[in-house]
């Protein structure tokens, strides 16, 4: 959801978390959504690729 696809633009992390949270128990497994949300919100998980891109950005603090 956070990556661009040919058939749709990337949603972004906030929108992707909202999507899986609102679909919890309907489209997505409750336990999997709970674990995912906990990783991103409580433990501040960041995909390594995003960390690399951010560190290479000229606007990123050093």
Protein backbone atom coordinates (compact mmCIF):
# COMPACT_ATOMS: atom_id res chain seq x y z
CA UNK A 1 0.00 0.00 0.00
CA UNK A 2 2.86 2.38 0.66
CA UNK A 3 4.56 1.74 -2.69
CA UNK A 4 3.46 2.95 -6.11
CA UNK A 5 1.87 0.36 -8.38
CA UNK A 6 0.98 0.63 -12.04
CA UNK A 7 -2.72 0.49 -11.19
CA UNK A 8 -2.67 2.94 -8.24
CA UNK A 9 -0.44 5.54 -6.59
CA UNK A 10 1.20 4.89 -3.22
CA UNK A 11 -1.03 5.65 -0.24
CA UNK A 12 1.66 6.63 2.22
CA UNK A 13 2.20 5.12 5.65
CA UNK A 14 -0.50 7.04 7.54
CA UNK A 15 -3.15 6.18 4.96
CA UNK A 16 -2.04 2.54 4.77
CA UNK A 17 -2.30 2.16 8.55
CA UNK A 18 -5.76 3.74 8.47
CA UNK A 19 -6.80 1.36 5.67
CA UNK A 20 -5.74 -1.79 7.50
CA UNK A 21 -7.17 -0.54 10.81
CA UNK A 22 -10.59 0.19 9.32
CA UNK A 23 -10.55 -3.17 7.51
CA UNK A 24 -9.46 -5.09 10.61
CA UNK A 25 -11.53 -8.24 10.99
CA UNK A 26 -13.28 -7.63 7.67
CA UNK A 27 -10.55 -7.68 5.00
CA UNK A 28 -7.48 -8.19 7.20
CA UNK A 29 -6.74 -10.55 10.07
CA UNK A 30 -7.23 -8.87 13.48
CA UNK A 31 -4.04 -10.25 15.02
CA UNK A 32 -1.93 -9.29 12.00
CA UNK A 33 -3.33 -5.74 11.97
CA UNK A 34 -2.75 -5.38 15.71
CA UNK A 35 0.86 -6.52 15.37
CA UNK A 36 1.47 -4.22 12.39
CA UNK A 37 -0.03 -1.16 14.04
CA UNK A 38 1.94 -1.84 17.23
CA UNK A 39 5.19 -2.08 15.27
CA UNK A 40 4.67 1.19 13.44
CA UNK A 41 3.03 3.31 16.14
CA UNK A 42 4.47 2.07 19.41
CA UNK A 43 7.86 0.76 18.39
CA UNK A 44 8.51 3.36 15.65
CA UNK A 45 9.36 0.75 13.00
CA UNK A 46 10.73 2.18 9.73
CA UNK A 47 11.37 0.22 6.55
CA UNK A 48 15.12 0.16 5.85
CA UNK A 49 14.55 1.43 2.29
CA UNK A 50 12.70 4.48 3.64
CA UNK A 51 15.51 5.13 6.13
CA UNK A 52 18.09 4.99 3.33
CA UNK A 53 16.07 7.31 1.07
CA UNK A 54 15.53 9.75 3.93
CA UNK A 55 19.21 9.79 4.85
CA UNK A 56 20.12 10.54 1.22
CA UNK A 57 17.63 13.38 0.98
CA UNK A 58 19.23 16.86 0.96
CA UNK A 59 16.61 18.00 3.49
CA UNK A 60 17.32 15.20 5.97
CA UNK A 61 18.99 16.33 9.20
CA UNK A 62 22.46 14.97 9.73
